[in-house]
Amino acid sequence: MRLLLDMNMSPKVAERLRAEGHDAVHLRDLGLGRLPDHDVFALAKTDRRIVVTFDLDFGEIVGQDAGTGVVLLRLRSVRTAHVQQRVTIALNQGAAALHAGAVVLVEDARIRVRTWPIPQGN
């Protein structure tokens, strides 16, 4: 899977994802650490990558401008090993939805998939 990791992610997570066979790029490695969120999303969309982030703004951005998926982390523990484990599980469970432009919300005890548009009443 082609992934773009936001600056709030440890570069070690990108390394681990690459070791698992993913094409994972960290914004730091691209020298784009100060890129605004909308531009990060546009870059991911252009490069056909899925954004991996802790930044809640991306949930709103993808809702306004679908075109790529977002793995949105809402974890109590940000230990690298825990983040790596939860991201791997999310990618395995949400791969098809992510490619279709969904948000996969990753929590400590569950993973939820939100597709767009969200049906009325949800």
N, C-alpha and C. Protein backbone atom coordinates (compact mmCIF):
# COMPACT_ATOMS: atom_id res chain seq x y z
N MET A 1 0.85 -1.17 0.00
CA MET A 1 0.00 0.00 0.00
C MET A 1 0.90 1.23 0.00
N ARG A 2 0.49 2.27 -0.72
CA ARG A 2 1.24 3.52 -0.79
C ARG A 2 0.75 4.47 0.31
N LEU A 3 1.68 4.85 1.20
CA LEU A 3 1.31 5.62 2.38
C LEU A 3 2.15 6.89 2.49
N LEU A 4 1.53 7.94 3.03
CA LEU A 4 2.22 9.19 3.34
C LEU A 4 2.00 9.47 4.81
N LEU A 5 3.07 9.44 5.59
CA LEU A 5 2.96 9.66 7.03
C LEU A 5 3.18 11.12 7.35
N ASP A 6 2.27 11.65 8.16
CA ASP A 6 2.29 13.05 8.57
C ASP A 6 3.44 13.28 9.57
N MET A 7 3.76 14.54 9.80
CA MET A 7 4.85 14.90 10.69
C MET A 7 4.61 14.49 12.14
N ASN A 8 3.38 14.28 12.53
CA ASN A 8 3.11 13.89 13.91
C ASN A 8 3.32 12.39 14.14
N MET A 9 3.75 11.70 13.11
CA MET A 9 4.06 10.27 13.20
C MET A 9 5.57 10.09 13.36
N SER A 10 5.97 9.07 14.09
CA SER A 10 7.38 8.76 14.20
C SER A 10 7.90 8.21 12.87
N PRO A 11 9.06 8.66 12.42
CA PRO A 11 9.65 8.08 11.20
C PRO A 11 9.88 6.57 11.33
N LYS A 12 9.99 6.09 12.57
CA LYS A 12 10.17 4.65 12.78
C LYS A 12 8.96 3.86 12.32
N VAL A 13 7.78 4.47 12.37
CA VAL A 13 6.57 3.80 11.88
C VAL A 13 6.70 3.60 10.37
N ALA A 14 7.19 4.59 9.67
CA ALA A 14 7.39 4.46 8.22
C ALA A 14 8.39 3.35 7.92
N GLU A 15 9.45 3.28 8.71
CA GLU A 15 10.45 2.23 8.52
C GLU A 15 9.82 0.85 8.69
N ARG A 16 9.03 0.71 9.71
CA ARG A 16 8.37 -0.58 9.99
C ARG A 16 7.40 -0.95 8.86
N LEU A 17 6.65 0.03 8.39
CA LEU A 17 5.70 -0.23 7.30
C LEU A 17 6.44 -0.64 6.02
N ARG A 18 7.57 -0.02 5.76
CA ARG A 18 8.37 -0.43 4.60
C ARG A 18 8.87 -1.87 4.77
N ALA A 19 9.27 -2.22 6.00
CA ALA A 19 9.72 -3.59 6.27
C ALA A 19 8.60 -4.60 6.05
N GLU A 20 7.35 -4.15 6.22
CA GLU A 20 6.18 -5.01 5.99
C GLU A 20 5.78 -5.05 4.53
N GLY A 21 6.49 -4.31 3.68
CA GLY A 21 6.22 -4.35 2.24
C GLY A 21 5.42 -3.18 1.70
N HIS A 22 5.12 -2.19 2.53
CA HIS A 22 4.38 -1.02 2.08
C HIS A 22 5.35 0.01 1.49
N ASP A 23 4.83 0.85 0.62
CA ASP A 23 5.58 1.97 0.08
C ASP A 23 5.23 3.17 0.96
N ALA A 24 5.94 3.29 2.08
CA ALA A 24 5.64 4.32 3.08
C ALA A 24 6.68 5.43 3.04
N VAL A 25 6.19 6.67 2.93
CA VAL A 25 7.05 7.84 2.88
C VAL A 25 6.63 8.78 4.01
N HIS A 26 7.62 9.31 4.71
CA HIS A 26 7.36 10.27 5.79
C HIS A 26 7.61 11.68 5.25
N LEU A 27 6.77 12.63 5.64
CA LEU A 27 6.94 14.01 5.17
C LEU A 27 8.33 14.55 5.46
N ARG A 28 8.90 14.15 6.58
CA ARG A 28 10.26 14.62 6.92
C ARG A 28 11.27 14.19 5.86
N ASP A 29 11.11 12.95 5.39
CA ASP A 29 12.04 12.43 4.37
C ASP A 29 11.93 13.20 3.05
N LEU A 30 10.78 13.81 2.82
CA LEU A 30 10.56 14.60 1.61
C LEU A 30 10.95 16.07 1.80
N GLY A 31 11.31 16.43 3.04
CA GLY A 31 11.65 17.82 3.33
C GLY A 31 10.42 18.71 3.35
N LEU A 32 9.26 18.13 3.66
CA LEU A 32 8.00 18.88 3.61
C LEU A 32 7.35 18.99 4.98
N GLY A 33 8.14 19.10 6.01
CA GLY A 33 7.63 19.13 7.37
C GLY A 33 6.70 20.28 7.70
N ARG A 34 6.79 21.36 6.97
CA ARG A 34 5.95 22.53 7.25
C ARG A 34 4.80 22.69 6.27
N LEU A 35 4.54 21.68 5.49
CA LEU A 35 3.48 21.74 4.49
C LEU A 35 2.11 21.79 5.17
N PRO A 36 1.23 22.73 4.80
CA PRO A 36 -0.11 22.80 5.39
C PRO A 36 -0.91 21.52 5.09
N ASP A 37 -1.86 21.23 5.96
CA ASP A 37 -2.64 20.00 5.86
C ASP A 37 -3.29 19.82 4.49
N HIS A 38 -3.89 20.87 3.96
CA HIS A 38 -4.56 20.74 2.66
C HIS A 38 -3.55 20.36 1.56
N ASP A 39 -2.33 20.89 1.67
CA ASP A 39 -1.31 20.56 0.69
C ASP A 39 -0.79 19.13 0.88
N VAL A 40 -0.72 18.69 2.14
CA VAL A 40 -0.34 17.30 2.41
C VAL A 40 -1.36 16.37 1.77
N PHE A 41 -2.64 16.68 1.95
CA PHE A 41 -3.70 15.85 1.38
C PHE A 41 -3.62 15.87 -0.14
N ALA A 42 -3.39 17.04 -0.72
CA ALA A 42 -3.28 17.15 -2.18
C ALA A 42 -2.10 16.34 -2.70
N LEU A 43 -0.98 16.37 -1.99
CA LEU A 43 0.18 15.58 -2.38
C LEU A 43 -0.15 14.09 -2.33
N ALA A 44 -0.79 13.66 -1.26
CA ALA A 44 -1.17 12.25 -1.13
C ALA A 44 -2.10 11.84 -2.26
N LYS A 45 -3.04 12.70 -2.57
CA LYS A 45 -4.01 12.42 -3.64
C LYS A 45 -3.29 12.30 -4.99
N THR A 46 -2.40 13.24 -5.28
CA THR A 46 -1.65 13.23 -6.53
C THR A 46 -0.77 11.99 -6.65
N ASP A 47 -0.12 11.63 -5.54
CA ASP A 47 0.79 10.48 -5.54
C ASP A 47 0.07 9.15 -5.27
N ARG A 48 -1.26 9.23 -5.14
CA ARG A 48 -2.07 8.04 -4.86
C ARG A 48 -1.60 7.32 -3.60
N ARG A 49 -1.45 8.13 -2.55
CA ARG A 49 -1.03 7.61 -1.25
C ARG A 49 -2.15 7.83 -0.23
N ILE A 50 -2.13 7.04 0.80
CA ILE A 50 -3.06 7.15 1.91
C ILE A 50 -2.35 7.89 3.03
N VAL A 51 -3.00 8.88 3.61
CA VAL A 51 -2.42 9.66 4.68
C VAL A 51 -2.57 8.90 6.00
N VAL A 52 -1.49 8.86 6.79
CA VAL A 52 -1.51 8.27 8.12
C VAL A 52 -1.15 9.39 9.08
N THR A 53 -2.06 9.68 10.04
CA THR A 53 -1.89 10.87 10.87
C THR A 53 -2.62 10.77 12.20
N PHE A 54 -2.23 11.63 13.13
CA PHE A 54 -2.96 11.86 14.37
C PHE A 54 -3.82 13.12 14.25
N ASP A 55 -3.69 13.85 13.18
CA ASP A 55 -4.32 15.17 13.00
C ASP A 55 -5.78 15.04 12.58
N LEU A 56 -6.68 15.46 13.46
CA LEU A 56 -8.11 15.35 13.20
C LEU A 56 -8.57 16.16 12.00
N ASP A 57 -7.81 17.18 11.61
CA ASP A 57 -8.19 18.00 10.46
C ASP A 57 -8.34 17.17 9.19
N PHE A 58 -7.59 16.09 9.08
CA PHE A 58 -7.65 15.28 7.87
C PHE A 58 -9.00 14.58 7.71
N GLY A 59 -9.67 14.29 8.81
CA GLY A 59 -11.01 13.72 8.71
C GLY A 59 -11.96 14.68 8.03
N GLU A 60 -11.82 15.96 8.33
CA GLU A 60 -12.64 16.99 7.69
C GLU A 60 -12.23 17.20 6.24
N ILE A 61 -10.94 17.21 5.99
CA ILE A 61 -10.46 17.45 4.63
C ILE A 61 -10.95 16.38 3.69
N VAL A 62 -10.83 15.11 4.07
CA VAL A 62 -11.26 14.04 3.19
C VAL A 62 -12.77 14.07 3.00
N GLY A 63 -13.50 14.56 3.99
CA GLY A 63 -14.95 14.69 3.85
C GLY A 63 -15.34 15.75 2.83
N GLN A 64 -14.50 16.76 2.67
CA GLN A 64 -14.76 17.84 1.72
C GLN A 64 -14.21 17.54 0.34
N ASP A 65 -13.14 16.75 0.29
CA ASP A 65 -12.44 16.53 -0.98
C ASP A 65 -11.93 15.10 -1.03
N ALA A 66 -12.82 14.17 -1.30
CA ALA A 66 -12.42 12.76 -1.36
C ALA A 66 -11.42 12.57 -2.48
N GLY A 67 -10.76 11.48 -2.47
CA GLY A 67 -9.80 11.18 -3.50
C GLY A 67 -8.69 10.28 -3.00
N THR A 68 -8.53 10.25 -1.71
CA THR A 68 -7.60 9.32 -1.08
C THR A 68 -8.08 9.04 0.32
N GLY A 69 -7.63 7.94 0.87
CA GLY A 69 -8.04 7.56 2.21
C GLY A 69 -7.15 8.16 3.27
N VAL A 70 -7.63 8.08 4.51
CA VAL A 70 -6.90 8.59 5.66
C VAL A 70 -6.99 7.57 6.79
N VAL A 71 -5.85 7.25 7.38
CA VAL A 71 -5.81 6.48 8.61
C VAL A 71 -5.63 7.50 9.71
N LEU A 72 -6.66 7.65 10.54
CA LEU A 72 -6.69 8.68 11.58
C LEU A 72 -6.55 8.00 12.93
N LEU A 73 -5.46 8.29 13.61
CA LEU A 73 -5.15 7.63 14.88
C LEU A 73 -5.68 8.43 16.06
N ARG A 74 -6.38 7.74 16.94
CA ARG A 74 -6.90 8.31 18.19
C ARG A 74 -6.50 7.35 19.31
N LEU A 75 -5.21 7.32 19.62
CA LEU A 75 -4.66 6.37 20.57
C LEU A 75 -4.26 7.06 21.87
N ARG A 76 -4.49 6.38 22.97
CA ARG A 76 -4.05 6.92 24.27
C ARG A 76 -2.52 6.82 24.37
N SER A 77 -1.99 5.69 23.95
CA SER A 77 -0.55 5.48 23.99
C SER A 77 0.04 5.79 22.61
N VAL A 78 1.05 6.61 22.60
CA VAL A 78 1.71 6.93 21.33
C VAL A 78 3.08 6.26 21.26
N ARG A 79 3.29 5.24 22.09
CA ARG A 79 4.52 4.47 21.98
C ARG A 79 4.62 3.93 20.56
N THR A 80 5.80 4.00 20.01
CA THR A 80 6.00 3.62 18.61
C THR A 80 5.53 2.20 18.33
N ALA A 81 5.85 1.26 19.20
CA ALA A 81 5.45 -0.13 18.96
C ALA A 81 3.93 -0.27 18.93
N HIS A 82 3.24 0.44 19.81
CA HIS A 82 1.76 0.38 19.84
C HIS A 82 1.18 1.00 18.57
N VAL A 83 1.70 2.15 18.17
CA VAL A 83 1.23 2.82 16.96
C VAL A 83 1.46 1.91 15.75
N GLN A 84 2.62 1.32 15.66
CA GLN A 84 2.93 0.43 14.54
C GLN A 84 1.95 -0.73 14.47
N GLN A 85 1.68 -1.33 15.61
CA GLN A 85 0.76 -2.47 15.66
C GLN A 85 -0.63 -2.06 15.21
N ARG A 86 -1.14 -0.95 15.72
CA ARG A 86 -2.50 -0.52 15.40
C ARG A 86 -2.61 -0.10 13.93
N VAL A 87 -1.60 0.56 13.39
CA VAL A 87 -1.63 0.95 11.98
C VAL A 87 -1.63 -0.29 11.09
N THR A 88 -0.83 -1.27 11.41
CA THR A 88 -0.79 -2.50 10.61
C THR A 88 -2.15 -3.18 10.60
N ILE A 89 -2.78 -3.28 11.74
CA ILE A 89 -4.11 -3.89 11.82
C ILE A 89 -5.11 -3.08 11.00
N ALA A 90 -5.05 -1.75 11.11
CA ALA A 90 -5.98 -0.89 10.36
C ALA A 90 -5.80 -1.06 8.87
N LEU A 91 -4.57 -1.14 8.42
CA LEU A 91 -4.32 -1.30 6.99
C LEU A 91 -4.85 -2.65 6.50
N ASN A 92 -4.68 -3.67 7.29
CA ASN A 92 -5.18 -4.99 6.91
C ASN A 92 -6.71 -5.01 6.86
N GLN A 93 -7.35 -4.40 7.84
CA GLN A 93 -8.81 -4.43 7.91
C GLN A 93 -9.48 -3.44 6.96
N GLY A 94 -8.83 -2.33 6.70
CA GLY A 94 -9.48 -1.27 5.95
C GLY A 94 -8.93 -1.00 4.57
N ALA A 95 -8.14 -1.92 4.03
CA ALA A 95 -7.45 -1.67 2.76
C ALA A 95 -8.40 -1.25 1.64
N ALA A 96 -9.44 -2.02 1.41
CA ALA A 96 -10.36 -1.72 0.30
C ALA A 96 -11.03 -0.36 0.50
N ALA A 97 -11.48 -0.10 1.72
CA ALA A 97 -12.14 1.16 2.01
C ALA A 97 -11.18 2.34 1.85
N LEU A 98 -9.95 2.18 2.29
CA LEU A 98 -8.97 3.25 2.16
C LEU A 98 -8.71 3.60 0.71
N HIS A 99 -8.61 2.60 -0.14
CA HIS A 99 -8.41 2.86 -1.56
C HIS A 99 -9.61 3.57 -2.18
N ALA A 100 -10.77 3.44 -1.56
CA ALA A 100 -11.98 4.09 -2.06
C ALA A 100 -12.17 5.48 -1.44
N GLY A 101 -11.23 5.92 -0.59
CA GLY A 101 -11.30 7.27 -0.03
C GLY A 101 -11.91 7.36 1.35
N ALA A 102 -11.95 6.27 2.09
CA ALA A 102 -12.55 6.27 3.42
C ALA A 102 -11.58 6.81 4.47
N VAL A 103 -12.14 7.10 5.63
CA VAL A 103 -11.35 7.38 6.82
C VAL A 103 -11.42 6.14 7.69
N VAL A 104 -10.27 5.63 8.08
CA VAL A 104 -10.21 4.52 9.01
C VAL A 104 -9.74 5.10 10.33
N LEU A 105 -10.65 5.10 11.30
CA LEU A 105 -10.38 5.66 12.62
C LEU A 105 -9.82 4.56 13.51
N VAL A 106 -8.62 4.76 14.00
CA VAL A 106 -7.92 3.75 14.77
C VAL A 106 -7.88 4.16 16.23
N GLU A 107 -8.53 3.37 17.06
CA GLU A 107 -8.53 3.59 18.50
C GLU A 107 -7.81 2.42 19.16
N ASP A 108 -7.62 2.51 20.46
CA ASP A 108 -6.90 1.45 21.16
C ASP A 108 -7.62 0.10 21.10
N ALA A 109 -8.94 0.12 21.16
CA ALA A 109 -9.68 -1.13 21.24
C ALA A 109 -10.51 -1.46 20.01
N ARG A 110 -10.60 -0.53 19.06
CA ARG A 110 -11.40 -0.80 17.87
C ARG A 110 -10.92 0.02 16.69
N ILE A 111 -11.39 -0.43 15.52
CA ILE A 111 -11.10 0.27 14.28
C ILE A 111 -12.43 0.48 13.57
N ARG A 112 -12.70 1.73 13.20
CA ARG A 112 -13.95 2.05 12.52
C ARG A 112 -13.65 2.59 11.13
N VAL A 113 -14.48 2.22 10.19
CA VAL A 113 -14.33 2.68 8.81
C VAL A 113 -15.48 3.63 8.50
N ARG A 114 -15.14 4.83 8.03
CA ARG A 114 -16.12 5.84 7.66
C ARG A 114 -15.97 6.13 6.17
N THR A 115 -17.01 5.83 5.42
CA THR A 115 -16.98 6.14 3.99
C THR A 115 -17.70 7.45 3.76
N TRP A 116 -17.48 8.06 2.61
CA TRP A 116 -18.07 9.35 2.27
C TRP A 116 -18.97 9.22 1.07
N PRO A 117 -20.07 9.89 1.02
CA PRO A 117 -20.60 10.73 2.09
C PRO A 117 -21.20 9.89 3.21
N ILE A 118 -21.19 10.46 4.39
CA ILE A 118 -21.79 9.79 5.54
C ILE A 118 -23.30 9.85 5.38
N PRO A 119 -24.01 8.71 5.52
CA PRO A 119 -25.46 8.72 5.38
C PRO A 119 -26.12 9.62 6.43
N GLN A 120 -27.24 10.21 6.08
CA GLN A 120 -27.99 11.08 7.00
C GLN A 120 -28.32 10.31 8.28
N GLY A 121 -28.22 10.99 9.42
CA GLY A 121 -28.58 10.40 10.69
C GLY A 121 -27.42 9.70 11.39
N ASN A 122 -26.22 9.72 10.80
CA ASN A 122 -25.07 9.07 11.47
C ASN A 122 -24.15 10.09 12.07
